[in-house]
């Protein structure tokens, strides 16, 4: 496996990831139960997946992402599961 050559995240990037995770947690927890949601759960899954693609996440942040993905996937059987971060 090739080593990750991206620069280490700055404190600011980690803070932004935390803010995005906090927002996604609050929205997704409401939207999974809302049958009249404006955005489909696939949209929210993409938002969560984008965090995995763009940030070096700390273990606690990875756990939060995993929990959000589980919430989305358990609420909508049409949402294909993503590979879990570890």
N, C-alpha and C. Protein backbone atom coordinates (compact mmCIF):
# COMPACT_ATOMS: atom_id res chain seq x y z
N UNK A 1 0.84 -1.17 0.00
CA UNK A 1 0.00 0.00 0.00
C UNK A 1 0.89 1.24 0.00
N UNK A 2 0.55 2.17 -0.83
CA UNK A 2 1.33 3.39 -0.95
C UNK A 2 1.03 4.34 0.20
N UNK A 3 2.05 4.97 0.76
CA UNK A 3 1.81 5.90 1.88
C UNK A 3 1.00 7.10 1.42
N UNK A 4 0.24 7.65 2.35
CA UNK A 4 -0.58 8.83 2.09
C UNK A 4 0.35 10.05 2.04
N UNK A 5 0.38 10.74 0.93
CA UNK A 5 1.30 11.86 0.76
C UNK A 5 0.61 13.22 0.92
N UNK A 6 -0.64 13.20 1.34
CA UNK A 6 -1.31 14.48 1.58
C UNK A 6 -0.73 15.12 2.83
N UNK A 7 -0.71 16.46 2.85
CA UNK A 7 -0.18 17.12 4.05
C UNK A 7 -1.08 16.85 5.25
N UNK A 8 -0.48 16.85 6.41
CA UNK A 8 -1.25 16.65 7.64
C UNK A 8 -2.28 17.75 7.78
N UNK A 9 -3.43 17.43 8.36
CA UNK A 9 -4.47 18.45 8.48
C UNK A 9 -4.10 19.53 9.47
N UNK A 10 -4.54 20.71 9.19
CA UNK A 10 -4.32 21.80 10.14
C UNK A 10 -5.43 21.77 11.18
N UNK A 11 -5.22 22.48 12.26
CA UNK A 11 -6.25 22.57 13.30
C UNK A 11 -7.53 23.17 12.72
N UNK A 12 -7.37 24.11 11.79
CA UNK A 12 -8.54 24.74 11.16
C UNK A 12 -9.35 23.71 10.36
N UNK A 13 -8.66 22.85 9.61
CA UNK A 13 -9.36 21.82 8.83
C UNK A 13 -10.12 20.86 9.76
N UNK A 14 -9.50 20.48 10.85
CA UNK A 14 -10.17 19.60 11.80
C UNK A 14 -11.38 20.28 12.44
N UNK A 15 -11.26 21.58 12.69
CA UNK A 15 -12.38 22.35 13.23
C UNK A 15 -13.52 22.40 12.23
N UNK A 16 -13.21 22.61 10.96
CA UNK A 16 -14.24 22.62 9.92
C UNK A 16 -14.92 21.26 9.81
N UNK A 17 -14.14 20.20 9.90
CA UNK A 17 -14.72 18.86 9.85
C UNK A 17 -15.65 18.65 11.04
N UNK A 18 -15.24 19.10 12.23
CA UNK A 18 -16.11 18.99 13.41
C UNK A 18 -17.41 19.76 13.22
N UNK A 19 -17.31 20.97 12.67
CA UNK A 19 -18.51 21.78 12.44
C UNK A 19 -19.43 21.11 11.43
N UNK A 20 -18.86 20.57 10.37
CA UNK A 20 -19.66 19.88 9.36
C UNK A 20 -20.32 18.64 9.95
N UNK A 21 -19.57 17.89 10.76
CA UNK A 21 -20.14 16.70 11.40
C UNK A 21 -21.27 17.07 12.36
N UNK A 22 -21.11 18.14 13.11
CA UNK A 22 -22.16 18.58 14.03
C UNK A 22 -23.42 18.93 13.26
N UNK A 23 -23.26 19.64 12.16
CA UNK A 23 -24.41 20.00 11.33
C UNK A 23 -25.08 18.75 10.77
N UNK A 24 -24.28 17.86 10.21
CA UNK A 24 -24.83 16.64 9.61
C UNK A 24 -25.53 15.78 10.65
N UNK A 25 -24.96 15.68 11.86
CA UNK A 25 -25.61 14.92 12.93
C UNK A 25 -26.99 15.46 13.24
N UNK A 26 -27.09 16.78 13.37
CA UNK A 26 -28.39 17.36 13.73
C UNK A 26 -29.41 17.23 12.60
N UNK A 27 -28.98 17.42 11.37
CA UNK A 27 -29.91 17.33 10.24
C UNK A 27 -30.32 15.88 9.97
N UNK A 28 -29.35 15.00 9.90
CA UNK A 28 -29.64 13.61 9.53
C UNK A 28 -30.51 12.94 10.57
N UNK A 29 -30.30 13.23 11.83
CA UNK A 29 -31.13 12.60 12.86
C UNK A 29 -32.61 12.99 12.70
N UNK A 30 -32.87 14.17 12.16
CA UNK A 30 -34.24 14.60 11.90
C UNK A 30 -34.74 14.04 10.56
N UNK A 31 -33.90 14.09 9.55
CA UNK A 31 -34.33 13.72 8.19
C UNK A 31 -34.58 12.23 8.01
N UNK A 32 -33.91 11.38 8.76
CA UNK A 32 -34.14 9.94 8.58
C UNK A 32 -35.58 9.57 8.95
N UNK A 33 -36.18 10.33 9.85
CA UNK A 33 -37.56 10.04 10.28
C UNK A 33 -38.61 10.83 9.51
N UNK A 34 -38.18 11.75 8.65
CA UNK A 34 -39.11 12.63 7.95
C UNK A 34 -39.47 12.06 6.58
N UNK A 35 -40.72 11.61 6.40
CA UNK A 35 -41.11 11.06 5.10
C UNK A 35 -41.24 12.14 4.02
N UNK A 36 -41.33 13.40 4.41
CA UNK A 36 -41.49 14.50 3.46
C UNK A 36 -40.22 15.32 3.31
N UNK A 37 -39.07 14.66 3.38
CA UNK A 37 -37.80 15.38 3.30
C UNK A 37 -37.61 16.01 1.93
N UNK A 38 -37.00 17.17 1.91
CA UNK A 38 -36.74 17.89 0.66
C UNK A 38 -35.61 17.21 -0.11
N UNK A 39 -34.52 16.90 0.58
CA UNK A 39 -33.40 16.21 -0.05
C UNK A 39 -33.47 14.73 0.29
N UNK A 40 -33.26 13.85 -0.68
CA UNK A 40 -33.27 12.42 -0.37
C UNK A 40 -32.07 12.04 0.49
N UNK A 41 -32.18 10.89 1.12
CA UNK A 41 -31.08 10.43 1.99
C UNK A 41 -29.80 10.19 1.21
N UNK A 42 -29.92 9.91 -0.08
CA UNK A 42 -28.72 9.74 -0.90
C UNK A 42 -27.90 11.03 -0.91
N UNK A 43 -28.58 12.17 -0.92
CA UNK A 43 -27.88 13.46 -0.86
C UNK A 43 -27.07 13.56 0.44
N UNK A 44 -27.70 13.21 1.55
CA UNK A 44 -27.02 13.31 2.84
C UNK A 44 -25.87 12.31 2.93
N UNK A 45 -26.06 11.14 2.34
CA UNK A 45 -24.96 10.17 2.34
C UNK A 45 -23.77 10.71 1.56
N UNK A 46 -24.04 11.38 0.43
CA UNK A 46 -22.96 11.98 -0.34
C UNK A 46 -22.23 13.05 0.46
N UNK A 47 -22.99 13.84 1.22
CA UNK A 47 -22.36 14.87 2.06
C UNK A 47 -21.43 14.23 3.09
N UNK A 48 -21.87 13.14 3.70
CA UNK A 48 -21.05 12.45 4.69
C UNK A 48 -19.83 11.83 4.01
N UNK A 49 -20.05 11.21 2.86
CA UNK A 49 -18.95 10.56 2.14
C UNK A 49 -17.91 11.59 1.71
N UNK A 50 -18.33 12.80 1.39
CA UNK A 50 -17.39 13.85 1.00
C UNK A 50 -16.41 14.17 2.13
N UNK A 51 -16.87 14.06 3.36
CA UNK A 51 -15.96 14.26 4.49
C UNK A 51 -14.83 13.23 4.47
N UNK A 52 -15.17 12.01 4.13
CA UNK A 52 -14.15 10.96 4.07
C UNK A 52 -13.13 11.22 2.97
N UNK A 53 -13.59 11.84 1.89
CA UNK A 53 -12.72 12.07 0.74
C UNK A 53 -11.81 13.28 0.90
N UNK A 54 -12.24 14.26 1.65
CA UNK A 54 -11.52 15.54 1.64
C UNK A 54 -10.73 15.83 2.90
N UNK A 55 -10.91 15.07 3.94
CA UNK A 55 -10.26 15.41 5.21
C UNK A 55 -9.50 14.21 5.77
N UNK A 56 -8.45 14.51 6.48
CA UNK A 56 -7.83 13.53 7.36
C UNK A 56 -8.68 13.61 8.62
N UNK A 57 -9.35 12.55 8.96
CA UNK A 57 -10.23 12.60 10.13
C UNK A 57 -9.59 11.87 11.30
N UNK A 58 -9.87 12.36 12.48
CA UNK A 58 -9.42 11.72 13.70
C UNK A 58 -10.32 10.51 13.98
N UNK A 59 -9.87 9.58 14.82
CA UNK A 59 -10.68 8.40 15.10
C UNK A 59 -12.11 8.71 15.57
N UNK A 60 -12.27 9.71 16.41
CA UNK A 60 -13.62 10.07 16.88
C UNK A 60 -14.48 10.60 15.73
N UNK A 61 -13.86 11.32 14.81
CA UNK A 61 -14.59 11.83 13.65
C UNK A 61 -14.98 10.68 12.71
N UNK A 62 -14.07 9.73 12.54
CA UNK A 62 -14.39 8.55 11.72
C UNK A 62 -15.54 7.77 12.33
N UNK A 63 -15.56 7.66 13.65
CA UNK A 63 -16.67 6.97 14.32
C UNK A 63 -17.99 7.70 14.09
N UNK A 64 -17.96 9.04 14.13
CA UNK A 64 -19.17 9.83 13.88
C UNK A 64 -19.65 9.64 12.44
N UNK A 65 -18.72 9.61 11.50
CA UNK A 65 -19.08 9.39 10.09
C UNK A 65 -19.71 8.01 9.94
N UNK A 66 -19.13 7.01 10.55
CA UNK A 66 -19.66 5.66 10.48
C UNK A 66 -21.08 5.59 11.05
N UNK A 67 -21.30 6.25 12.17
CA UNK A 67 -22.62 6.28 12.78
C UNK A 67 -23.64 6.96 11.86
N UNK A 68 -23.25 8.06 11.24
CA UNK A 68 -24.15 8.76 10.31
C UNK A 68 -24.49 7.87 9.11
N UNK A 69 -23.49 7.20 8.57
CA UNK A 69 -23.74 6.30 7.44
C UNK A 69 -24.68 5.17 7.85
N UNK A 70 -24.50 4.63 9.04
CA UNK A 70 -25.39 3.58 9.53
C UNK A 70 -26.83 4.09 9.68
N UNK A 71 -26.99 5.32 10.19
CA UNK A 71 -28.32 5.90 10.33
C UNK A 71 -29.02 6.02 8.98
N UNK A 72 -28.28 6.52 8.00
CA UNK A 72 -28.85 6.71 6.66
C UNK A 72 -29.21 5.37 6.03
N UNK A 73 -28.28 4.43 6.10
CA UNK A 73 -28.50 3.13 5.46
C UNK A 73 -29.62 2.34 6.13
N UNK A 74 -29.79 2.49 7.43
CA UNK A 74 -30.86 1.76 8.10
C UNK A 74 -32.22 2.40 7.84
N UNK A 75 -32.24 3.70 7.50
CA UNK A 75 -33.51 4.39 7.25
C UNK A 75 -33.99 4.23 5.82
N UNK A 76 -33.11 3.95 4.89
CA UNK A 76 -33.48 3.87 3.49
C UNK A 76 -32.84 2.64 2.85
N UNK A 77 -33.63 1.60 2.60
CA UNK A 77 -33.06 0.37 2.02
C UNK A 77 -32.54 0.56 0.59
N UNK A 78 -32.94 1.65 -0.07
CA UNK A 78 -32.47 1.90 -1.43
C UNK A 78 -31.08 2.53 -1.48
N UNK A 79 -30.58 2.96 -0.33
CA UNK A 79 -29.25 3.57 -0.27
C UNK A 79 -28.22 2.45 -0.18
N UNK A 80 -27.34 2.38 -1.17
CA UNK A 80 -26.30 1.35 -1.16
C UNK A 80 -25.29 1.65 -0.08
N UNK A 81 -24.92 0.66 0.71
CA UNK A 81 -23.92 0.89 1.77
C UNK A 81 -22.56 1.27 1.18
N UNK A 82 -21.88 2.16 1.89
CA UNK A 82 -20.50 2.51 1.52
C UNK A 82 -19.56 1.67 2.37
N UNK A 83 -18.34 1.52 1.88
CA UNK A 83 -17.34 0.83 2.69
C UNK A 83 -17.07 1.68 3.92
N UNK A 84 -17.00 1.04 5.06
CA UNK A 84 -16.81 1.76 6.32
C UNK A 84 -15.37 2.17 6.49
N UNK A 85 -15.19 3.33 7.08
CA UNK A 85 -13.86 3.81 7.41
C UNK A 85 -13.36 3.10 8.67
N UNK A 86 -12.09 2.85 8.71
CA UNK A 86 -11.55 2.21 9.92
C UNK A 86 -10.27 2.87 10.35
